[in-house]
Amino acid sequence: MTRPTSRDVATAAGVSQATVSLVLGDKWAGRVSERTAAVVRETATRLGYRPNLAARNLRLGTTRTALLVVPALTNEFFARVYTGAARIAAEHGFGVVLYPSPDGTGPARDPFASARAALDGIIASSMAADALDAIGGNALPLVMLDSDPTAGTAAAHVNLAMADGMRQITEHLLALGHHRFLHLASAVDSWTFDTRAEALTALLGPGTELRTVRSPLTVDGARTAMEAALATPQDRPTAIVCDDDILAAGACKAARRLGLRIPEDLSITGFDDLALATAVEPELTTVHLPAERVGEQGMTALLAVLEGTPWTAPDLPVRLVVRDSTGPAPTA
């Protein structure tokens, strides 16, 4: 069977093709009667007519499709970012295509070489920035998420108040009497993690100790790193500040293997407020990041860029969620 065309709809409904275009393009008000519009819609449904979007896009010079580049789909944070971006996109008749670039494997080699014209713009996480070279991201309007606003060629940036999140964690732990800190830092080279490290260092003043240990962004990697770092009782911190909830889960496992109680012997904090934060025991004190809002603002910014409108916005606020993994510093 051949695919029905607008000419078929027009013939079956007894109207012109122009009338079909007006009705199905939702531009009929004041130009076509409600009765005729209803007949056209019913006829299109009965015939199974679907607009030829490819032809329409070629005619308009746009595809209404955005690419969202993330490090990996296995991370809940980026799944939430996609949810937010897709919600705003749908409200404006856009689609969002996901392009994961998993750490350790790298992106496929230029998968859009023959389809770059199928994209109107790109939204990308700073953690997946390397993937932009592979897909020729510089040739399209680009919105960067969680990235250095002073660097790169992005048309717009959407950032979270990461430094303020670290401030909230630090003030919380200092108020509990902690002075010996260990920063369990992500080994991923990214602006967002550099920002957290710089903020923590700046916030800890005289009378405090800070040691940094780097780890792959995995539970097992964090556990291994923390088992080594906590092995000597004389050098143990009383608080571990983790770049991510995944790292914090690994730190909790290491503490338990070493017979340390949380939070009586060791307080542990995370970042992100993933579902994992309430799956561990005790539940994790962490910084809640509004991931869906990041996606929403990323898509909103791209729409503004595509319309030629300058886009700026303040950093999205974050908030500390205090749970049971933090407590007063041990006195001994």
C-alpha atoms as a PDB file:
ATOM      1  CA  MET A   1       0.000   0.000   0.000  1.00  0.00           C
ATOM      2  CA  THR A   2       1.226   3.488  -0.823  1.00  0.00           C
ATOM      3  CA  ARG A   3       1.391   6.110   1.877  1.00  0.00           C
ATOM      4  CA  PRO A   4      -1.626   8.477   1.671  1.00  0.00           C
ATOM      5  CA  THR A   5      -0.817  12.033   0.628  1.00  0.00           C
ATOM      6  CA  SER A   6      -2.403  15.389   1.349  1.00  0.00           C
ATOM      7  CA  ARG A   7      -3.875  15.173  -2.186  1.00  0.00           C
ATOM      8  CA  ASP A   8      -5.647  11.933  -1.151  1.00  0.00           C
ATOM      9  CA  VAL A   9      -7.024  13.636   1.972  1.00  0.00           C
ATOM     10  CA  ALA A  10      -8.212  16.605  -0.081  1.00  0.00           C
ATOM     11  CA  THR A  11      -9.955  14.368  -2.632  1.00  0.00           C
ATOM     12  CA  ALA A  12     -11.662  12.245   0.031  1.00  0.00           C
ATOM     13  CA  ALA A  13     -12.764  15.297   2.025  1.00  0.00           C
ATOM     14  CA  GLY A  14     -13.897  17.233  -1.047  1.00  0.00           C
ATOM     15  CA  VAL A  15     -11.617  20.209  -0.361  1.00  0.00           C
ATOM     16  CA  SER A  16      -8.460  21.722  -1.836  1.00  0.00           C
ATOM     17  CA  GLN A  17      -4.901  20.723  -0.840  1.00  0.00           C
ATOM     18  CA  ALA A  18      -4.435  24.243   0.464  1.00  0.00           C
ATOM     19  CA  THR A  19      -7.335  23.702   2.872  1.00  0.00           C
ATOM     20  CA  VAL A  20      -5.788  20.430   4.071  1.00  0.00           C
ATOM     21  CA  SER A  21      -2.470  22.209   4.677  1.00  0.00           C
ATOM     22  CA  LEU A  22      -4.173  24.976   6.660  1.00  0.00           C
ATOM     23  CA  VAL A  23      -6.142  22.559   8.830  1.00  0.00           C
ATOM     24  CA  LEU A  24      -3.364  20.065   9.538  1.00  0.00           C
ATOM     25  CA  GLY A  25      -0.895  22.907  10.066  1.00  0.00           C
ATOM     26  CA  ASP A  26      -3.314  24.359  12.649  1.00  0.00           C
ATOM     27  CA  LYS A  27      -3.561  27.637  10.705  1.00  0.00           C
ATOM     28  CA  TRP A  28      -7.201  27.383   9.691  1.00  0.00           C
ATOM     29  CA  ALA A  29      -8.837  29.688  12.260  1.00  0.00           C
ATOM     30  CA  GLY A  30     -10.672  32.498  10.471  1.00  0.00           C
ATOM     31  CA  ARG A  31      -9.930  30.963   7.066  1.00  0.00           C
ATOM     32  CA  VAL A  32     -11.731  27.611   7.164  1.00  0.00           C
ATOM     33  CA  SER A  33     -15.024  26.767   8.876  1.00  0.00           C
ATOM     34  CA  GLU A  34     -14.971  24.578  11.977  1.00  0.00           C
ATOM     35  CA  ARG A  35     -17.153  22.021  10.173  1.00  0.00           C
ATOM     36  CA  THR A  36     -14.716  21.767   7.243  1.00  0.00           C
ATOM     37  CA  ALA A  37     -11.737  21.546   9.603  1.00  0.00           C
ATOM     38  CA  ALA A  38     -13.423  18.683  11.452  1.00  0.00           C
ATOM     39  CA  VAL A  39     -14.084  16.856   8.168  1.00  0.00           C
ATOM     40  CA  VAL A  40     -10.444  17.237   7.099  1.00  0.00           C
ATOM     41  CA  ARG A  41      -9.101  15.955  10.440  1.00  0.00           C
ATOM     42  CA  GLU A  42     -11.510  12.990  10.432  1.00  0.00           C
ATOM     43  CA  THR A  43     -10.565  12.121   6.848  1.00  0.00           C
ATOM     44  CA  ALA A  44      -6.835  12.320   7.595  1.00  0.00           C
ATOM     45  CA  THR A  45      -7.275  10.020  10.589  1.00  0.00           C
ATOM     46  CA  ARG A  46      -9.391   7.538   8.620  1.00  0.00           C
ATOM     47  CA  LEU A  47      -6.870   7.371   5.772  1.00  0.00           C
ATOM     48  CA  GLY A  48      -3.912   7.120   8.149  1.00  0.00           C
ATOM     49  CA  TYR A  49      -2.332  10.247   6.734  1.00  0.00           C
ATOM     50  CA  ARG A  50       0.899  11.487   8.333  1.00  0.00           C
ATOM     51  CA  PRO A  51       2.654  14.691   7.243  1.00  0.00           C
ATOM     52  CA  ASN A  52       5.941  14.231   5.397  1.00  0.00           C
ATOM     53  CA  LEU A  53       8.147  15.866   7.993  1.00  0.00           C
ATOM     54  CA  ALA A  54      11.313  15.356   5.993  1.00  0.00           C
ATOM     55  CA  ALA A  55       9.878  17.325   3.095  1.00  0.00           C
ATOM     56  CA  ARG A  56       8.577  20.023   5.416  1.00  0.00           C
ATOM     57  CA  ASN A  57      11.932  20.333   7.150  1.00  0.00           C
ATOM     58  CA  LEU A  58      13.772  20.542   3.842  1.00  0.00           C
ATOM     59  CA  ARG A  59      11.390  23.300   2.802  1.00  0.00           C
ATOM     60  CA  LEU A  60      11.841  25.225   6.056  1.00  0.00           C
ATOM     61  CA  GLY A  61      15.570  24.600   6.436  1.00  0.00           C
ATOM     62  CA  THR A  62      15.131  23.223   9.963  1.00  0.00           C
ATOM     63  CA  THR A  63      14.593  19.798  11.519  1.00  0.00           C
ATOM     64  CA  ARG A  64      13.391  20.842  15.002  1.00  0.00           C
ATOM     65  CA  THR A  65      15.792  18.291  16.452  1.00  0.00           C
ATOM     66  CA  ALA A  66      18.394  18.838  19.172  1.00  0.00           C
ATOM     67  CA  LEU A  67      21.254  16.553  20.176  1.00  0.00           C
ATOM     68  CA  LEU A  68      21.934  16.031  23.891  1.00  0.00           C
ATOM     69  CA  VAL A  69      25.497  14.856  24.549  1.00  0.00           C
ATOM     70  CA  VAL A  70      26.090  13.201  27.942  1.00  0.00           C
ATOM     71  CA  PRO A  71      28.899  11.058  29.396  1.00  0.00           C
ATOM     72  CA  ALA A  72      26.712   7.985  29.940  1.00  0.00           C
ATOM     73  CA  LEU A  73      23.086   6.968  30.273  1.00  0.00           C
ATOM     74  CA  THR A  74      23.896   4.740  33.258  1.00  0.00           C
ATOM     75  CA  ASN A  75      24.183   7.839  35.455  1.00  0.00           C
ATOM     76  CA  GLU A  76      20.796   8.834  36.843  1.00  0.00           C
ATOM     77  CA  PHE A  77      21.702  12.527  36.823  1.00  0.00           C
ATOM     78  CA  PHE A  78      21.965  12.650  33.033  1.00  0.00           C
ATOM     79  CA  ALA A  79      18.771  10.655  32.590  1.00  0.00           C
ATOM     80  CA  ARG A  80      17.030  13.406  34.566  1.00  0.00           C
ATOM     81  CA  VAL A  81      18.690  16.082  32.435  1.00  0.00           C
ATOM     82  CA  TYR A  82      17.251  14.384  29.353  1.00  0.00           C
ATOM     83  CA  THR A  83      13.786  14.269  30.930  1.00  0.00           C
ATOM     84  CA  GLY A  84      13.846  18.023  31.501  1.00  0.00           C
ATOM     85  CA  ALA A  85      15.199  18.825  28.047  1.00  0.00           C
ATOM     86  CA  ALA A  86      12.671  16.564  26.331  1.00  0.00           C
ATOM     87  CA  ARG A  87       9.792  18.151  28.237  1.00  0.00           C
ATOM     88  CA  ILE A  88      10.610  21.666  27.024  1.00  0.00           C
ATOM     89  CA  ALA A  89      11.414  20.396  23.534  1.00  0.00           C
ATOM     90  CA  ALA A  90       8.025  18.692  23.223  1.00  0.00           C
ATOM     91  CA  GLU A  91       6.258  21.903  24.228  1.00  0.00           C
ATOM     92  CA  HIS A  92       7.897  23.607  21.236  1.00  0.00           C
ATOM     93  CA  GLY A  93       7.538  20.815  18.703  1.00  0.00           C
ATOM     94  CA  PHE A  94      11.169  19.700  18.994  1.00  0.00           C
ATOM     95  CA  GLY A  95      12.684  16.261  19.477  1.00  0.00           C
ATOM     96  CA  VAL A  96      15.799  15.404  21.473  1.00  0.00           C
ATOM     97  CA  VAL A  97      18.311  12.756  20.359  1.00  0.00           C
ATOM     98  CA  LEU A  98      20.665  11.322  22.992  1.00  0.00           C
ATOM     99  CA  TYR A  99      24.359  10.758  22.314  1.00  0.00           C
ATOM    100  CA  PRO A 100      26.109   9.020  25.224  1.00  0.00           C
ATOM    101  CA  SER A 101      29.903   9.137  25.322  1.00  0.00           C
ATOM    102  CA  PRO A 102      30.878   6.632  28.038  1.00  0.00           C
ATOM    103  CA  ASP A 103      34.070   7.277  29.987  1.00  0.00           C
ATOM    104  CA  GLY A 104      36.778   4.823  29.055  1.00  0.00           C
ATOM    105  CA  THR A 105      35.405   3.881  25.638  1.00  0.00           C
ATOM    106  CA  GLY A 106      35.042   7.259  23.958  1.00  0.00           C
ATOM    107  CA  PRO A 107      32.529   8.269  21.310  1.00  0.00           C
ATOM    108  CA  ALA A 108      31.976   6.457  18.060  1.00  0.00           C
ATOM    109  CA  ARG A 109      33.790   8.155  15.198  1.00  0.00           C
ATOM    110  CA  ASP A 110      31.610  10.945  13.856  1.00  0.00           C
ATOM    111  CA  PRO A 111      28.245   9.116  13.715  1.00  0.00           C
ATOM    112  CA  PHE A 112      26.597  12.214  12.255  1.00  0.00           C
ATOM    113  CA  ALA A 113      28.911  12.674   9.277  1.00  0.00           C
ATOM    114  CA  SER A 114      26.056  11.974   6.878  1.00  0.00           C
ATOM    115  CA  ALA A 115      23.299  13.400   9.028  1.00  0.00           C
ATOM    116  CA  ARG A 116      24.582  16.676  10.420  1.00  0.00           C
ATOM    117  CA  ALA A 117      21.876  18.479   8.507  1.00  0.00           C
ATOM    118  CA  ALA A 118      19.383  16.512  10.631  1.00  0.00           C
ATOM    119  CA  LEU A 119      20.253  18.579  13.714  1.00  0.00           C
ATOM    120  CA  ASP A 120      19.427  22.159  14.614  1.00  0.00           C
ATOM    121  CA  GLY A 121      21.674  22.426  17.676  1.00  0.00           C
ATOM    122  CA  ILE A 122      23.539  20.668  20.471  1.00  0.00           C
ATOM    123  CA  ILE A 123      23.249  20.635  24.259  1.00  0.00           C
ATOM    124  CA  ALA A 124      26.296  19.090  25.927  1.00  0.00           C
ATOM    125  CA  SER A 125      27.583  18.304  29.394  1.00  0.00           C
ATOM    126  CA  SER A 126      31.111  19.487  30.122  1.00  0.00           C
ATOM    127  CA  MET A 127      31.941  15.900  31.145  1.00  0.00           C
ATOM    128  CA  ALA A 128      31.271  14.828  27.551  1.00  0.00           C
ATOM    129  CA  ALA A 129      33.113  17.731  25.920  1.00  0.00           C
ATOM    130  CA  ASP A 130      35.548  15.446  24.067  1.00  0.00           C
ATOM    131  CA  ALA A 131      32.638  13.987  22.134  1.00  0.00           C
ATOM    132  CA  LEU A 132      31.969  17.359  20.522  1.00  0.00           C
ATOM    133  CA  ASP A 133      35.077  17.063  18.372  1.00  0.00           C
ATOM    134  CA  ALA A 134      33.940  13.683  17.058  1.00  0.00           C
ATOM    135  CA  ILE A 135      30.516  14.926  16.031  1.00  0.00           C
ATOM    136  CA  GLY A 136      31.622  18.274  14.655  1.00  0.00           C
ATOM    137  CA  GLY A 137      29.817  20.159  17.392  1.00  0.00           C
ATOM    138  CA  ASN A 138      31.454  23.467  16.525  1.00  0.00           C
ATOM    139  CA  ALA A 139      29.453  23.618  13.285  1.00  0.00           C
ATOM    140  CA  LEU A 140      26.119  23.869  15.130  1.00  0.00           C
ATOM    141  CA  PRO A 141      24.628  26.174  17.781  1.00  0.00           C
ATOM    142  CA  LEU A 142      25.923  24.859  21.113  1.00  0.00           C
ATOM    143  CA  VAL A 143      24.681  25.146  24.697  1.00  0.00           C
ATOM    144  CA  MET A 144      27.074  23.856  27.371  1.00  0.00           C
ATOM    145  CA  LEU A 145      25.866  22.454  30.688  1.00  0.00           C
ATOM    146  CA  ASP A 146      27.900  22.639  33.896  1.00  0.00           C
ATOM    147  CA  SER A 147      30.937  24.156  32.187  1.00  0.00           C
ATOM    148  CA  ASP A 148      33.319  27.086  32.353  1.00  0.00           C
ATOM    149  CA  PRO A 149      31.298  30.119  31.215  1.00  0.00           C
ATOM    150  CA  THR A 150      34.451  31.957  30.144  1.00  0.00           C
ATOM    151  CA  ALA A 151      35.808  29.237  27.859  1.00  0.00           C
ATOM    152  CA  GLY A 152      34.879  27.679  24.540  1.00  0.00           C
ATOM    153  CA  THR A 153      32.646  28.727  21.706  1.00  0.00           C
ATOM    154  CA  ALA A 154      29.270  27.886  23.213  1.00  0.00           C
ATOM    155  CA  ALA A 155      26.426  30.257  22.436  1.00  0.00           C
ATOM    156  CA  ALA A 156      25.016  29.850  25.956  1.00  0.00           C
ATOM    157  CA  HIS A 157      25.815  28.197  29.284  1.00  0.00           C
ATOM    158  CA  VAL A 158      23.641  26.594  31.945  1.00  0.00           C
ATOM    159  CA  ASN A 159      25.367  26.130  35.291  1.00  0.00           C
ATOM    160  CA  LEU A 160      24.603  24.982  38.798  1.00  0.00           C
ATOM    161  CA  ALA A 161      25.800  26.842  41.899  1.00  0.00           C
ATOM    162  CA  MET A 162      28.437  24.177  42.600  1.00  0.00           C
ATOM    163  CA  ALA A 163      30.645  26.379  44.769  1.00  0.00           C
ATOM    164  CA  ASP A 164      27.663  27.261  46.933  1.00  0.00           C
ATOM    165  CA  GLY A 165      26.858  23.576  47.316  1.00  0.00           C
ATOM    166  CA  MET A 166      30.361  22.963  48.596  1.00  0.00           C
ATOM    167  CA  ARG A 167      29.955  25.931  50.939  1.00  0.00           C
ATOM    168  CA  GLN A 168      26.825  24.386  52.426  1.00  0.00           C
ATOM    169  CA  ILE A 169      28.594  21.064  52.984  1.00  0.00           C
ATOM    170  CA  THR A 170      31.662  22.691  54.545  1.00  0.00           C
ATOM    171  CA  GLU A 171      29.698  24.914  56.905  1.00  0.00           C
ATOM    172  CA  HIS A 172      27.599  21.926  57.972  1.00  0.00           C
ATOM    173  CA  LEU A 173      30.678  19.845  58.822  1.00  0.00           C
ATOM    174  CA  LEU A 174      32.518  22.694  60.539  1.00  0.00           C
ATOM    175  CA  ALA A 175      29.453  23.336  62.706  1.00  0.00           C
ATOM    176  CA  LEU A 176      29.640  19.680  63.756  1.00  0.00           C
ATOM    177  CA  GLY A 177      33.210  20.243  64.969  1.00  0.00           C
ATOM    178  CA  HIS A 178      35.142  18.608  62.121  1.00  0.00           C
ATOM    179  CA  HIS A 179      38.657  19.843  61.413  1.00  0.00           C
ATOM    180  CA  ARG A 180      40.322  16.905  59.616  1.00  0.00           C
ATOM    181  CA  PHE A 181      38.906  16.591  56.087  1.00  0.00           C
ATOM    182  CA  LEU A 182      39.535  14.256  53.183  1.00  0.00           C
ATOM    183  CA  HIS A 183      38.306  15.234  49.729  1.00  0.00           C
ATOM    184  CA  LEU A 184      37.442  12.139  47.698  1.00  0.00           C
ATOM    185  CA  ALA A 185      37.744  13.760  44.285  1.00  0.00           C
ATOM    186  CA  SER A 186      36.621  12.413  40.931  1.00  0.00           C
ATOM    187  CA  ALA A 187      39.480  11.511  38.604  1.00  0.00           C
ATOM    188  CA  VAL A 188      37.422  12.855  35.679  1.00  0.00           C
ATOM    189  CA  ASP A 189      39.048  16.006  34.299  1.00  0.00           C
ATOM    190  CA  SER A 190      36.122  18.428  34.270  1.00  0.00           C
ATOM    191  CA  TRP A 191      35.410  22.048  35.129  1.00  0.00           C
ATOM    192  CA  THR A 192      32.602  21.050  37.464  1.00  0.00           C
ATOM    193  CA  PHE A 193      34.880  18.920  39.656  1.00  0.00           C
ATOM    194  CA  ASP A 194      37.657  21.524  39.576  1.00  0.00           C
ATOM    195  CA  THR A 195      35.124  24.086  40.836  1.00  0.00           C
ATOM    196  CA  ARG A 196      34.168  21.866  43.776  1.00  0.00           C
ATOM    197  CA  ALA A 197      37.810  21.293  44.724  1.00  0.00           C
ATOM    198  CA  GLU A 198      38.676  24.996  44.547  1.00  0.00           C
ATOM    199  CA  ALA A 199      35.657  25.926  46.663  1.00  0.00           C
ATOM    200  CA  LEU A 200      36.451  23.354  49.361  1.00  0.00           C
ATOM    201  CA  THR A 201      40.066  24.501  49.606  1.00  0.00           C
ATOM    202  CA  ALA A 202      39.035  28.148  49.858  1.00  0.00           C
ATOM    203  CA  LEU A 203      36.424  27.456  52.529  1.00  0.00           C
ATOM    204  CA  LEU A 204      38.704  25.595  54.936  1.00  0.00           C
ATOM    205  CA  GLY A 205      40.755  28.055  56.942  1.00  0.00           C
ATOM    206  CA  PRO A 206      43.479  27.866  59.614  1.00  0.00           C
ATOM    207  CA  GLY A 207      43.079  25.067  62.117  1.00  0.00           C
ATOM    208  CA  THR A 208      41.771  22.583  59.562  1.00  0.00           C
ATOM    209  CA  GLU A 209      43.494  19.827  57.603  1.00  0.00           C
ATOM    210  CA  LEU A 210      42.615  18.819  54.047  1.00  0.00           C
ATOM    211  CA  ARG A 211      43.908  15.816  52.141  1.00  0.00           C
ATOM    212  CA  THR A 212      42.807  14.930  48.586  1.00  0.00           C
ATOM    213  CA  VAL A 213      42.473  11.435  47.145  1.00  0.00           C
ATOM    214  CA  ARG A 214      41.368  10.898  43.547  1.00  0.00           C
ATOM    215  CA  SER A 215      39.240   7.992  42.395  1.00  0.00           C
ATOM    216  CA  PRO A 216      37.521   6.711  39.256  1.00  0.00           C
ATOM    217  CA  LEU A 217      33.843   7.600  39.291  1.00  0.00           C
ATOM    218  CA  THR A 218      32.776   4.116  40.435  1.00  0.00           C
ATOM    219  CA  VAL A 219      31.770   2.540  43.742  1.00  0.00           C
ATOM    220  CA  ASP A 220      34.573  -0.045  43.575  1.00  0.00           C
ATOM    221  CA  GLY A 221      37.165   2.556  42.655  1.00  0.00           C
ATOM    222  CA  ALA A 222      36.140   4.752  45.567  1.00  0.00           C
ATOM    223  CA  ARG A 223      36.102   1.808  47.978  1.00  0.00           C
ATOM    224  CA  THR A 224      39.622   0.783  46.982  1.00  0.00           C
ATOM    225  CA  ALA A 225      40.940   4.343  47.275  1.00  0.00           C
ATOM    226  CA  MET A 226      39.340   4.837  50.681  1.00  0.00           C
ATOM    227  CA  GLU A 227      40.500   1.529  52.111  1.00  0.00           C
ATOM    228  CA  ALA A 228      44.066   2.647  51.428  1.00  0.00           C
ATOM    229  CA  ALA A 229      43.508   6.204  52.669  1.00  0.00           C
ATOM    230  CA  LEU A 230      41.852   5.132  55.936  1.00  0.00           C
ATOM    231  CA  ALA A 231      44.164   2.218  56.738  1.00  0.00           C
ATOM    232  CA  THR A 232      46.378   4.151  59.186  1.00  0.00           C
ATOM    233  CA  PRO A 233      44.451   5.297  62.293  1.00  0.00           C
ATOM    234  CA  GLN A 234      46.837   8.184  63.016  1.00  0.00           C
ATOM    235  CA  ASP A 235      46.140   9.881  59.684  1.00  0.00           C
ATOM    236  CA  ARG A 236      42.398   9.351  59.502  1.00  0.00           C
ATOM    237  CA  PRO A 237      40.108  12.284  58.764  1.00  0.00           C
ATOM    238  CA  THR A 238      36.860  12.715  60.642  1.00  0.00           C
ATOM    239  CA  ALA A 239      34.958  13.855  57.544  1.00  0.00           C
ATOM    240  CA  ILE A 240      35.081  12.715  53.906  1.00  0.00           C
ATOM    241  CA  VAL A 241      33.715  15.150  51.325  1.00  0.00           C
ATOM    242  CA  CYS A 242      32.916  13.293  48.090  1.00  0.00           C
ATOM    243  CA  ASP A 243      32.463  14.789  44.629  1.00  0.00           C
ATOM    244  CA  ASP A 244      29.530  12.496  43.906  1.00  0.00           C
ATOM    245  CA  ASP A 245      27.082  10.140  45.628  1.00  0.00           C
ATOM    246  CA  ILE A 246      28.650   7.199  43.794  1.00  0.00           C
ATOM    247  CA  LEU A 247      32.013   7.992  45.366  1.00  0.00           C
ATOM    248  CA  ALA A 248      30.319   8.447  48.740  1.00  0.00           C
ATOM    249  CA  ALA A 249      28.779   4.966  48.487  1.00  0.00           C
ATOM    250  CA  GLY A 250      32.255   3.531  47.899  1.00  0.00           C
ATOM    251  CA  ALA A 251      33.598   5.461  50.896  1.00  0.00           C
ATOM    252  CA  CYS A 252      30.815   4.022  53.065  1.00  0.00           C
ATOM    253  CA  LYS A 253      31.733   0.491  51.990  1.00  0.00           C
ATOM    254  CA  ALA A 254      35.398   1.105  52.787  1.00  0.00           C
ATOM    255  CA  ALA A 255      34.552   2.475  56.239  1.00  0.00           C
ATOM    256  CA  ARG A 256      32.474  -0.575  57.079  1.00  0.00           C
ATOM    257  CA  ARG A 257      35.204  -2.978  55.925  1.00  0.00           C
ATOM    258  CA  LEU A 258      37.610  -1.197  58.254  1.00  0.00           C
ATOM    259  CA  GLY A 259      35.181  -1.395  61.168  1.00  0.00           C
ATOM    260  CA  LEU A 260      34.477   2.344  61.245  1.00  0.00           C
ATOM    261  CA  ARG A 261      31.041   3.570  62.285  1.00  0.00           C
ATOM    262  CA  ILE A 262      29.179   6.202  60.282  1.00  0.00           C
ATOM    263  CA  PRO A 263      28.736   8.901  61.522  1.00  0.00           C
ATOM    264  CA  GLU A 264      30.187   8.166  65.011  1.00  0.00           C
ATOM    265  CA  ASP A 265      33.755   7.644  63.723  1.00  0.00           C
ATOM    266  CA  LEU A 266      33.504   9.187  60.275  1.00  0.00           C
ATOM    267  CA  SER A 267      31.101  11.576  58.553  1.00  0.00           C
ATOM    268  CA  ILE A 268      30.612  11.199  54.793  1.00  0.00           C
ATOM    269  CA  THR A 269      28.927  13.585  52.343  1.00  0.00           C
ATOM    270  CA  GLY A 270      27.992  13.251  48.692  1.00  0.00           C
ATOM    271  CA  PHE A 271      26.906  15.427  45.775  1.00  0.00           C
ATOM    272  CA  ASP A 272      23.934  15.012  43.372  1.00  0.00           C
ATOM    273  CA  ASP A 273      21.243  13.453  45.610  1.00  0.00           C
ATOM    274  CA  LEU A 274      20.781  10.407  43.413  1.00  0.00           C
ATOM    275  CA  ALA A 275      18.399   7.598  44.398  1.00  0.00           C
ATOM    276  CA  LEU A 276      21.527   5.897  45.708  1.00  0.00           C
ATOM    277  CA  ALA A 277      21.719   8.483  48.503  1.00  0.00           C
ATOM    278  CA  THR A 278      18.718   6.951  50.270  1.00  0.00           C
ATOM    279  CA  ALA A 279      19.582   3.357  49.312  1.00  0.00           C
ATOM    280  CA  VAL A 280      22.759   3.264  51.441  1.00  0.00           C
ATOM    281  CA  GLU A 281      22.632   2.889  55.208  1.00  0.00           C
ATOM    282  CA  PRO A 282      22.889   5.281  56.918  1.00  0.00           C
ATOM    283  CA  GLU A 283      21.268   7.523  54.328  1.00  0.00           C
ATOM    284  CA  LEU A 284      23.603  10.036  52.772  1.00  0.00           C
ATOM    285  CA  THR A 285      23.949  13.714  53.533  1.00  0.00           C
ATOM    286  CA  THR A 286      24.378  15.241  50.085  1.00  0.00           C
ATOM    287  CA  VAL A 287      23.775  18.272  47.869  1.00  0.00           C
ATOM    288  CA  HIS A 288      20.628  18.094  45.787  1.00  0.00           C
ATOM    289  CA  LEU A 289      21.206  19.122  42.169  1.00  0.00           C
ATOM    290  CA  PRO A 290      18.040  19.931  40.168  1.00  0.00           C
ATOM    291  CA  ALA A 291      18.970  17.838  37.139  1.00  0.00           C
ATOM    292  CA  GLU A 292      15.634  18.198  35.356  1.00  0.00           C
ATOM    293  CA  ARG A 293      15.870  21.979  35.674  1.00  0.00           C
ATOM    294  CA  VAL A 294      19.313  21.784  34.055  1.00  0.00           C
ATOM    295  CA  GLY A 295      17.771  19.997  31.078  1.00  0.00           C
ATOM    296  CA  GLU A 296      14.855  22.412  30.926  1.00  0.00           C
ATOM    297  CA  GLN A 297      17.122  25.452  30.952  1.00  0.00           C
ATOM    298  CA  GLY A 298      19.495  23.845  28.462  1.00  0.00           C
ATOM    299  CA  MET A 299      16.677  23.364  25.950  1.00  0.00           C
ATOM    300  CA  THR A 300      15.227  26.801  26.696  1.00  0.00           C
ATOM    301  CA  ALA A 301      18.639  28.350  26.062  1.00  0.00           C
ATOM    302  CA  LEU A 302      19.025  26.481  22.765  1.00  0.00           C
ATOM    303  CA  LEU A 303      15.599  27.630  21.604  1.00  0.00           C
ATOM    304  CA  ALA A 304      16.579  31.222  22.396  1.00  0.00           C
ATOM    305  CA  VAL A 305      19.849  30.845  20.486  1.00  0.00           C
ATOM    306  CA  LEU A 306      18.042  29.402  17.466  1.00  0.00           C
ATOM    307  CA  GLU A 307      15.692  32.394  17.511  1.00  0.00           C
ATOM    308  CA  GLY A 308      18.642  34.788  17.662  1.00  0.00           C
ATOM    309  CA  THR A 309      17.805  35.936  21.191  1.00  0.00           C
ATOM    310  CA  PRO A 310      20.624  36.502  23.712  1.00  0.00           C
ATOM    311  CA  TRP A 311      20.276  34.103  26.647  1.00  0.00           C
ATOM    312  CA  THR A 312      21.669  34.525  30.136  1.00  0.00           C
ATOM    313  CA  ALA A 313      20.493  33.213  33.490  1.00  0.00           C
ATOM    314  CA  PRO A 314      21.885  32.975  37.017  1.00  0.00           C
ATOM    315  CA  ASP A 315      23.318  29.686  38.227  1.00  0.00           C
ATOM    316  CA  LEU A 316      20.641  27.240  39.318  1.00  0.00           C
ATOM    317  CA  PRO A 317      20.489  27.023  43.134  1.00  0.00           C
ATOM    318  CA  VAL A 318      21.412  23.800  44.930  1.00  0.00           C
ATOM    319  CA  ARG A 319      20.613  22.742  48.479  1.00  0.00           C
ATOM    320  CA  LEU A 320      22.114  20.585  51.184  1.00  0.00           C
ATOM    321  CA  VAL A 321      20.021  17.602  52.272  1.00  0.00           C
ATOM    322  CA  VAL A 322      21.117  16.517  55.748  1.00  0.00           C
ATOM    323  CA  ARG A 323      20.646  12.832  56.517  1.00  0.00           C
ATOM    324  CA  ASP A 324      22.290  10.340  58.866  1.00  0.00           C
ATOM    325  CA  SER A 325      25.764   9.969  57.357  1.00  0.00           C
ATOM    326  CA  THR A 326      27.037  13.086  59.144  1.00  0.00           C
ATOM    327  CA  GLY A 327      27.300  13.763  62.852  1.00  0.00           C
ATOM    328  CA  PRO A 328      29.495  15.446  65.475  1.00  0.00           C
ATOM    329  CA  ALA A 329      33.229  14.962  65.107  1.00  0.00           C
ATOM    330  CA  PRO A 330      34.618  12.224  67.387  1.00  0.00           C
ATOM    331  CA  THR A 331      36.294  13.647  70.468  1.00  0.00           C
ATOM    332  CA  ALA A 332      39.134  11.113  70.656  1.00  0.00           C
END
